[in-house]
Protein backbone atom coordinates (compact mmCIF):
# COMPACT_ATOMS: atom_id res chain seq x y z
CA MET A 1 0.07 -0.14 0.11
CA THR A 2 1.18 3.54 -0.72
CA ALA A 3 2.56 4.61 2.69
CA THR A 4 1.46 8.12 2.51
CA ALA A 5 -2.26 7.47 1.64
CA ARG A 6 -4.39 8.03 4.76
CA PHE A 7 -8.28 7.89 5.38
CA ILE A 8 -10.31 10.40 7.57
CA GLY A 9 -13.59 9.09 8.83
CA SER A 10 -16.00 9.33 11.55
CA GLU A 11 -18.57 7.26 13.38
CA ILE A 12 -21.01 10.31 13.17
CA TYR A 13 -22.07 9.24 9.95
CA ARG A 14 -23.33 5.62 11.30
CA GLY A 15 -27.09 6.03 11.72
CA SER A 16 -27.21 9.86 11.05
CA SER A 17 -29.86 10.50 8.47
CA TYR A 18 -31.46 13.80 7.06
CA GLY A 19 -35.03 12.17 7.54
CA ALA A 20 -36.88 9.26 6.25
CA TRP A 21 -37.70 10.84 3.12
CA HIS A 22 -34.63 12.72 2.19
CA PRO A 23 -32.14 11.50 -0.37
CA LEU A 24 -29.46 11.57 2.22
CA ARG A 25 -31.30 8.93 4.39
CA VAL A 26 -28.89 6.16 3.12
CA PRO A 27 -25.61 5.07 4.79
CA ARG A 28 -22.59 6.02 2.90
CA VAL A 29 -19.30 6.87 4.75
CA SER A 30 -20.14 4.10 7.32
CA THR A 31 -20.34 1.71 4.39
CA VAL A 32 -17.11 2.79 2.90
CA MET A 33 -15.56 2.33 6.22
CA ASP A 34 -16.92 -1.04 6.97
CA LEU A 35 -16.10 -2.38 3.54
CA ALA A 36 -12.58 -1.00 3.61
CA ARG A 37 -11.94 -2.60 6.82
CA ALA A 38 -13.56 -6.05 5.63
CA LEU A 39 -11.02 -5.98 2.93
CA GLY A 40 -8.20 -5.40 5.10
CA TRP A 41 -7.59 -1.92 3.51
CA LEU A 42 -8.02 0.27 6.58
CA PRO A 43 -5.52 -0.73 9.19
CA PRO A 44 -5.44 1.45 12.23
CA ASP A 45 -2.41 3.31 11.28
CA VAL A 46 -3.89 4.90 8.06
CA TYR A 47 -7.14 5.57 9.83
CA LEU A 48 -7.71 9.21 11.17
CA ARG A 49 -10.76 10.32 13.17
CA SER A 50 -12.08 13.47 11.82
CA PRO A 51 -12.15 16.30 14.13
CA ARG A 52 -15.08 18.62 14.49
CA ALA A 53 -14.52 22.20 13.24
CA ARG A 54 -15.14 24.82 15.85
CA PRO A 55 -17.46 27.54 14.86
CA ALA A 56 -14.52 30.31 14.63
CA ALA A 57 -12.65 27.91 11.99
CA LEU A 58 -15.92 27.86 9.72
CA HIS A 59 -15.93 31.88 9.55
CA GLY A 60 -13.07 31.51 6.96
CA PHE A 61 -15.98 31.00 4.33
CA HIS A 62 -19.20 31.13 6.30
CA THR A 63 -20.62 34.06 8.01
CA PRO A 64 -20.65 34.10 11.94
CA GLU A 65 -24.59 34.81 11.64
CA TYR A 66 -25.23 31.81 9.53
CA VAL A 67 -22.82 29.35 11.79
CA ALA A 68 -24.63 30.59 14.73
CA ALA A 69 -28.27 29.88 13.32
CA LEU A 70 -27.16 26.52 12.32
CA ILE A 71 -25.80 25.84 15.84
CA ALA A 72 -29.06 27.09 17.34
CA ALA A 73 -31.12 25.00 14.95
CA GLU A 74 -29.46 21.86 15.99
CA ALA A 75 -29.84 22.74 19.63
CA THR A 76 -33.67 23.56 19.49
CA GLN A 77 -34.50 21.15 16.48
CA GLN A 78 -36.50 23.96 14.96
CA VAL A 79 -35.99 27.18 12.93
CA GLY A 80 -38.34 29.94 12.84
CA PRO A 81 -39.75 31.51 9.28
CA GLU A 82 -37.14 34.31 9.36
CA ILE A 83 -34.19 31.95 9.67
CA ARG A 84 -35.84 29.49 7.11
CA ALA A 85 -36.08 32.35 4.67
CA LYS A 86 -32.59 33.90 5.30
CA HIS A 87 -30.33 30.80 5.68
CA HIS A 88 -32.46 28.10 3.95
CA LEU A 89 -32.56 25.95 6.99
CA GLY A 90 -35.47 23.74 7.81
CA THR A 91 -36.52 23.50 4.21
CA PRO A 92 -37.26 19.99 2.35
CA ALA A 93 -33.60 20.09 1.01
CA ASN A 94 -32.07 21.15 4.09
CA PRO A 95 -33.95 19.89 6.73
CA VAL A 96 -33.60 20.14 10.73
CA PHE A 97 -32.10 16.84 12.18
CA ALA A 98 -30.25 15.69 14.92
CA GLU A 99 -26.78 16.18 13.90
CA MET A 100 -27.48 18.95 11.46
CA PHE A 101 -24.15 21.07 12.73
CA ARG A 102 -22.27 18.37 14.18
CA ARG A 103 -22.31 16.18 11.11
CA PRO A 104 -21.12 18.76 8.55
CA ALA A 105 -18.69 20.44 11.03
CA THR A 106 -17.21 17.00 11.25
CA GLY A 107 -16.63 17.06 7.42
CA ALA A 108 -15.29 20.64 7.61
CA GLY A 109 -13.09 19.70 10.49
CA GLY A 110 -11.65 16.85 8.19
CA ALA A 111 -11.12 19.19 5.42
CA LEU A 112 -9.17 21.71 7.61
CA LEU A 113 -7.10 18.88 9.11
CA ALA A 114 -6.53 17.49 5.48
CA GLY A 115 -4.60 20.90 4.67
CA GLU A 116 -2.32 20.56 7.63
CA LEU A 117 -1.63 16.93 7.06
CA LEU A 118 -0.73 17.44 3.34
CA ARG A 119 1.86 20.23 4.07
CA HIS A 120 4.63 17.86 2.97
CA GLY A 121 2.63 15.90 0.28
CA GLY A 122 0.87 12.63 0.35
CA ARG A 123 -2.67 11.44 -0.33
CA LEU A 124 -5.87 11.80 1.82
CA HIS A 125 -9.56 10.37 1.55
CA LEU A 126 -12.27 12.09 3.32
CA PRO A 127 -15.35 10.47 1.94
CA GLY A 128 -17.55 12.50 4.37
CA GLY A 129 -16.35 15.70 2.31
CA GLY A 130 -17.50 17.14 -0.79
CA THR A 131 -20.52 19.33 0.09
CA HIS A 132 -19.80 21.61 -2.78
CA HIS A 133 -23.22 23.51 -2.66
CA GLY A 134 -22.75 25.24 0.68
CA LEU A 135 -22.94 29.10 0.50
CA PRO A 136 -21.42 31.73 3.02
CA ASP A 137 -24.71 32.47 4.58
CA ARG A 138 -27.11 29.67 3.66
CA ALA A 139 -27.51 26.07 3.33
CA ASN A 140 -27.93 24.83 -0.24
CA GLY A 141 -28.54 21.58 -2.00
CA PHE A 142 -28.27 19.37 1.10
CA CYS A 143 -24.95 21.03 1.89
CA TYR A 144 -24.97 23.00 5.36
CA LEU A 145 -21.29 23.79 5.09
CA ASN A 146 -18.86 23.98 2.39
CA ASP A 147 -15.73 21.78 3.12
CA PRO A 148 -14.15 21.69 -0.12
CA VAL A 149 -13.78 25.46 0.16
CA LEU A 150 -12.57 25.30 3.77
CA ALA A 151 -10.12 22.48 2.29
CA ILE A 152 -8.80 24.74 -0.20
CA GLY A 153 -8.23 27.50 2.33
CA SER A 154 -6.56 25.13 4.60
CA LEU A 155 -4.29 23.85 1.94
CA ARG A 156 -3.07 27.37 1.15
CA ALA A 157 -2.57 28.09 4.64
CA HIS A 158 -0.11 25.20 4.86
CA GLY A 159 2.23 26.11 1.71
CA ALA A 160 -0.08 24.99 -1.32
CA ARG A 161 0.07 28.08 -3.44
CA ARG A 162 -1.69 26.95 -6.74
CA ILE A 163 -4.72 24.42 -6.07
CA ALA A 164 -6.56 22.64 -8.64
CA TYR A 165 -10.11 21.48 -7.53
CA VAL A 166 -11.84 19.11 -9.89
CA ASP A 167 -15.54 18.13 -9.68
CA ILE A 168 -16.95 15.09 -11.22
CA ASP A 169 -20.31 15.08 -9.25
CA ALA A 170 -23.44 15.21 -11.44
CA HIS A 171 -24.38 18.46 -9.94
CA HIS A 172 -22.40 21.57 -10.46
CA CYS A 173 -20.07 22.97 -7.68
CA ASP A 174 -21.73 26.13 -7.41
CA GLY A 175 -20.76 27.06 -3.80
CA VAL A 176 -16.98 26.27 -4.70
CA GLU A 177 -17.07 28.30 -7.79
CA ALA A 178 -18.85 31.20 -5.94
CA GLY A 179 -15.80 30.92 -3.50
CA PHE A 180 -13.23 30.88 -6.10
CA ALA A 181 -14.28 32.09 -9.51
CA HIS A 182 -12.10 35.13 -9.35
CA ASP A 183 -9.13 33.56 -7.64
CA PRO A 184 -6.48 32.93 -10.55
CA ASP A 185 -4.53 30.78 -8.03
CA THR A 186 -7.66 28.28 -7.88
CA LEU A 187 -8.35 26.23 -10.96
CA ILE A 188 -12.03 24.92 -11.00
CA VAL A 189 -12.90 22.09 -13.45
CA SER A 190 -16.38 20.80 -13.23
CA THR A 191 -18.16 18.09 -15.04
CA HIS A 192 -22.06 17.91 -14.46
CA GLU A 193 -25.14 17.08 -15.99
CA GLU A 194 -26.69 19.73 -18.25
CA ASN A 195 -30.11 21.06 -17.27
CA ARG A 196 -29.89 19.65 -13.68
CA TRP A 197 -30.20 21.27 -10.37
CA PRO A 198 -28.58 23.93 -9.71
CA ARG A 199 -28.61 24.75 -13.26
CA THR A 200 -25.12 26.66 -12.90
CA GLY A 201 -21.97 25.93 -14.55
CA ALA A 202 -22.52 27.11 -18.07
CA VAL A 203 -19.74 26.19 -20.47
CA GLU A 204 -19.40 29.94 -21.18
CA ASP A 205 -18.49 30.82 -17.48
CA GLU A 206 -14.90 31.57 -17.37
CA GLY A 207 -14.54 33.31 -13.74
CA ALA A 208 -10.85 35.04 -14.02
CA GLY A 209 -10.23 32.60 -16.93
CA GLN A 210 -9.43 29.47 -14.76
CA VAL A 211 -12.94 28.10 -14.52
CA PHE A 212 -13.70 25.32 -16.90
CA ASN A 213 -17.26 23.99 -16.85
CA LEU A 214 -18.31 20.99 -19.09
CA PRO A 215 -22.07 20.24 -18.80
CA LEU A 216 -22.70 16.60 -19.73
CA PRO A 217 -25.54 15.35 -21.68
CA SER A 218 -28.21 13.04 -20.15
CA GLY A 219 -27.36 9.56 -20.59
CA ALA A 220 -23.67 10.03 -20.69
CA GLY A 221 -21.65 6.95 -20.14
CA ASP A 222 -18.00 6.19 -19.28
CA ASP A 223 -16.67 7.36 -23.02
CA VAL A 224 -18.17 11.05 -22.40
CA MET A 225 -16.29 11.21 -19.19
CA ALA A 226 -13.07 9.98 -20.90
CA ALA A 227 -13.21 12.47 -23.49
CA GLY A 228 -13.90 15.16 -20.82
CA ARG A 229 -10.89 13.88 -18.89
CA ASP A 230 -8.29 13.67 -21.82
CA ARG A 231 -9.23 16.76 -23.62
CA VAL A 232 -10.30 19.05 -20.91
CA ILE A 233 -9.51 17.90 -17.24
CA LEU A 234 -6.15 16.67 -17.74
CA PRO A 235 -4.74 19.38 -20.05
CA ALA A 236 -6.14 22.04 -17.70
CA VAL A 237 -4.69 20.58 -14.53
CA ALA A 238 -1.33 19.83 -16.34
CA MET A 239 -0.95 23.43 -17.71
CA PHE A 240 -1.90 24.82 -14.23
CA ARG A 241 0.78 23.05 -12.45
CA PRO A 242 -0.85 22.81 -9.15
CA ASP A 243 0.83 22.37 -5.82
CA ALA A 244 -2.30 20.52 -4.70
CA ILE A 245 -5.23 18.63 -6.47
CA VAL A 246 -8.70 18.17 -4.57
CA LEU A 247 -11.06 15.81 -6.35
CA GLN A 248 -14.73 15.88 -5.50
CA CYS A 249 -15.74 12.22 -6.53
CA GLY A 250 -19.58 12.39 -6.45
CA ALA A 251 -21.19 9.00 -7.09
CA ASP A 252 -24.48 10.40 -8.45
CA ALA A 253 -23.20 10.18 -11.95
CA LEU A 254 -23.49 6.40 -11.92
CA LEU A 255 -26.36 4.76 -13.69
CA GLU A 256 -27.78 3.20 -10.57
CA ASP A 257 -28.11 6.64 -8.75
CA PRO A 258 -31.71 8.32 -8.55
CA GLN A 259 -30.45 12.00 -8.64
CA SER A 260 -29.09 12.21 -11.97
CA ARG A 261 -29.99 10.72 -15.68
CA LEU A 262 -26.18 9.96 -16.19
CA ALA A 263 -25.06 6.42 -17.02
CA MET A 264 -21.68 6.03 -16.12
CA SER A 265 -19.79 2.97 -14.34
CA GLY A 266 -17.10 3.68 -11.70
CA HIS A 267 -14.47 2.97 -14.18
CA ALA A 268 -15.22 6.61 -15.37
CA HIS A 269 -14.49 8.09 -11.87
CA LEU A 270 -11.25 5.81 -11.30
CA GLY A 271 -10.13 6.63 -14.53
CA VAL A 272 -10.09 10.52 -13.74
CA LEU A 273 -8.55 9.72 -10.30
CA ARG A 274 -5.63 7.49 -11.67
CA ALA A 275 -4.92 10.16 -14.31
CA LEU A 276 -4.93 12.97 -11.78
CA LEU A 277 -2.72 11.31 -9.00
CA PRO A 278 0.63 11.93 -10.57
CA LEU A 279 -0.01 15.76 -11.37
CA ALA A 280 0.79 17.16 -7.85
CA PRO A 281 2.40 16.18 -4.56
CA ARG A 282 -0.59 16.82 -2.46
CA PHE A 283 -4.05 14.96 -3.23
CA LEU A 284 -7.33 15.18 -1.35
CA LEU A 285 -10.05 12.94 -2.40
CA LEU A 286 -13.50 13.91 -1.24
CA GLY A 287 -16.95 12.26 -1.49
CA GLY A 288 -20.00 14.36 -2.74
CA GLY A 289 -23.41 13.23 -4.04
CA GLY A 290 -24.35 9.50 -4.09
CA TYR A 291 -27.94 8.30 -3.13
CA ASN A 292 -27.94 4.70 -3.99
CA PRO A 293 -26.16 3.12 -0.80
CA TRP A 294 -24.89 0.24 -2.72
CA SER A 295 -23.28 2.28 -5.57
CA VAL A 296 -21.92 5.08 -3.52
CA GLY A 297 -20.19 2.73 -0.87
CA ARG A 298 -18.92 0.55 -3.51
CA LEU A 299 -17.35 3.39 -5.69
CA TRP A 300 -15.87 5.26 -2.76
CA THR A 301 -14.35 2.21 -1.55
CA ALA A 302 -12.83 1.23 -4.90
CA ALA A 303 -11.43 5.09 -5.22
CA TRP A 304 -9.72 4.51 -1.78
CA ALA A 305 -8.20 1.23 -3.17
CA VAL A 306 -6.67 3.36 -6.14
CA LEU A 307 -5.42 6.11 -3.83
CA ALA A 308 -3.83 3.58 -1.31
CA GLY A 309 -2.37 1.31 -3.94
CA ARG A 310 -4.63 -1.69 -3.24
CA GLU A 311 -5.63 -4.17 -5.96
CA ILE A 312 -9.52 -4.08 -6.40
CA PRO A 313 -10.62 -7.78 -6.69
CA ASP A 314 -12.94 -9.12 -9.27
CA HIS A 315 -15.15 -10.97 -6.71
CA LEU A 316 -15.54 -9.72 -2.88
CA PRO A 317 -14.65 -11.91 0.03
CA VAL A 318 -17.48 -13.02 2.02
CA PRO A 319 -16.84 -10.36 5.03
CA ALA A 320 -17.11 -7.63 2.32
CA GLN A 321 -20.25 -8.99 0.77
CA ALA A 322 -21.73 -9.19 4.27
CA VAL A 323 -21.38 -5.47 4.52
CA LEU A 324 -23.23 -4.94 1.28
CA ARG A 325 -25.93 -7.48 2.03
CA GLY A 326 -26.63 -5.84 5.30
CA LEU A 327 -27.62 -2.45 3.62
CA GLU A 328 -31.19 -1.26 3.30
CA TRP A 329 -32.73 1.50 1.21
CA HIS A 330 -36.13 2.20 2.59
CA LYS A 331 -38.92 4.27 0.90
CA GLN A 332 -37.90 3.63 -2.78
CA GLU A 333 -38.87 1.08 -5.59
CA ARG A 334 -35.40 0.97 -7.65
CA ALA A 335 -33.80 -1.59 -5.79
CA VAL A 336 -36.17 -3.71 -3.65
CA SER A 337 -33.92 -6.61 -4.33
CA PRO A 338 -30.55 -5.46 -5.35
CA PRO A 339 -28.76 -7.53 -8.13
CA GLU A 340 -26.20 -10.04 -7.02
CA SER A 341 -23.31 -7.88 -8.55
CA TRP A 342 -23.97 -4.94 -6.14
CA LEU A 343 -23.21 -7.48 -3.54
CA THR A 344 -20.28 -9.21 -4.86
CA THR A 345 -18.40 -6.65 -6.59
CA LEU A 346 -16.98 -3.06 -6.28
CA LEU A 347 -17.10 -2.24 -9.98
CA ASP A 348 -19.72 -2.90 -12.66
CA PRO A 349 -18.61 -3.54 -16.35
CA PRO A 350 -17.74 -0.51 -18.27
CA ARG A 351 -20.68 1.63 -19.78
CA PRO A 352 -19.26 3.09 -23.02
CA GLY A 353 -22.03 5.01 -24.43
CA GLU A 354 -22.08 7.43 -27.47
CA ILE A 355 -20.61 10.92 -27.69
CA PRO A 356 -23.14 13.27 -28.95
CA ASP A 357 -22.17 16.23 -31.40
CA GLY A 358 -23.18 18.86 -29.02
CA PHE A 359 -20.90 17.53 -26.32
CA ARG A 360 -17.89 17.44 -28.73
CA ASP A 361 -18.61 21.04 -29.51
CA ARG A 362 -18.49 21.95 -25.90
CA VAL A 363 -15.08 20.02 -25.60
CA ALA A 364 -13.85 21.97 -28.48
CA THR A 365 -14.81 25.35 -27.12
CA LEU A 366 -13.13 24.50 -24.03
CA GLU A 367 -10.02 23.46 -25.81
CA ALA A 368 -9.79 26.63 -27.61
CA ARG A 369 -10.03 28.38 -24.11
CA LEU A 370 -7.25 26.37 -22.89
CA LEU A 371 -4.91 27.15 -25.74
CA ALA A 372 -5.75 30.79 -25.14
CA TRP A 373 -5.04 30.61 -21.58
CA VAL A 374 -1.58 28.99 -21.85
C-alpha cells in the first residue's frame, strides 16, 4: 500500500440521517469504512478520526451569523420563518435533523485537518467531504457547510499556492465556484449533467479565466467522461501545474443513482482519479453526491483502493459481501432486491455510451480556451 495514503472518517455518519424521505437517508461513509476494513484496506495506522470544526474555523468562508443559526437550529431542533427564509434551514432540501451542525462540522474539520496533514505531500481520502453547494450565509442543496472551500483554504494556509479543484459530481459545484471564481490561483474544472439542479456551470462561464465547466448530456456514459478527462480535465490541470489537487468524486453520475440521468460505471470516476494522481504532490479525495447506498459505498471504496495502491478484486470476499448484504434502502422502488453484482463486486462492467455532437462542440470550445489561457 502507498505509505502516504491516509483515510479520514468518523462514526458520526453511522445512523445519522436527514430524515426518512430525504435522499441522504442512506448510509454512505460508514459503508466505505466497513467495506475497507472487511477488505483489510483500513488498518489503524492509516485511519484518522475527523475532528469537528469549531465555529470560528468556519468563518473562513461562512458568516458568523449563519454558523450561529445552524448551531441554534441543531440545539432547538426547530427554525422560525425568518431563519428559514434567510439561511435556508428547515427546508425540504436542508431539513432540521439531530446532527445538522455536528455532521457537516465533522466533514469541515476533516477538510481543515487535511490541509495541515498534506503540508509536505501525500494522499488523503475524506469520503465525508464534498459538500460543494454550501454558500457563505445559507445551506444549499443538502450542504450546510462547504468543506471543499475550507479544504482549499487550509491547503493554502499550509503552503500550497496553486490548487486545482476538479469536480465530477452530477451536480455543478456552485458553492466552490462562488468562493474561487475570481481567484487565479485556484483552478476549477467541473463536469456535471446539463439542465440539472442547480442549473449553474455553463460552458461560457470563465471566472478569472481559470474556470472550466463541461456540462454532460443526459445518458452520458464512460466514453463521455473519458473524452472530458483527456481533452479538458487533464490538459487544464497539467497546464496549471498545481501544488495540490482536490478531487470531488460524487457518485451520483453512476447509472444506478436516482438523482441524475447519467449512465456511468465506476470506471469513469477511477479513470479520472488515476490520471490526476501524478499531477501534484498533495492530493485530497472527497466524497460528494451519491444516493444509492450500494453504488456510492462501492465506488468510494474502490476509489480508496486506487488512492492507497490496493488491487480491486473481481469478486469480493465473504466479509465484504456481508457489509453490502446488510444495507437497506427504505422508501424507494428502484432496488427492492439489489442485483447480485451489487453485493459481490466493487465495480460494474464499463458502460461506454455514445458521444453526442453537441458535447464534442463544448469540448472544442473549452480546448480553444485552454490554448488561449496558456
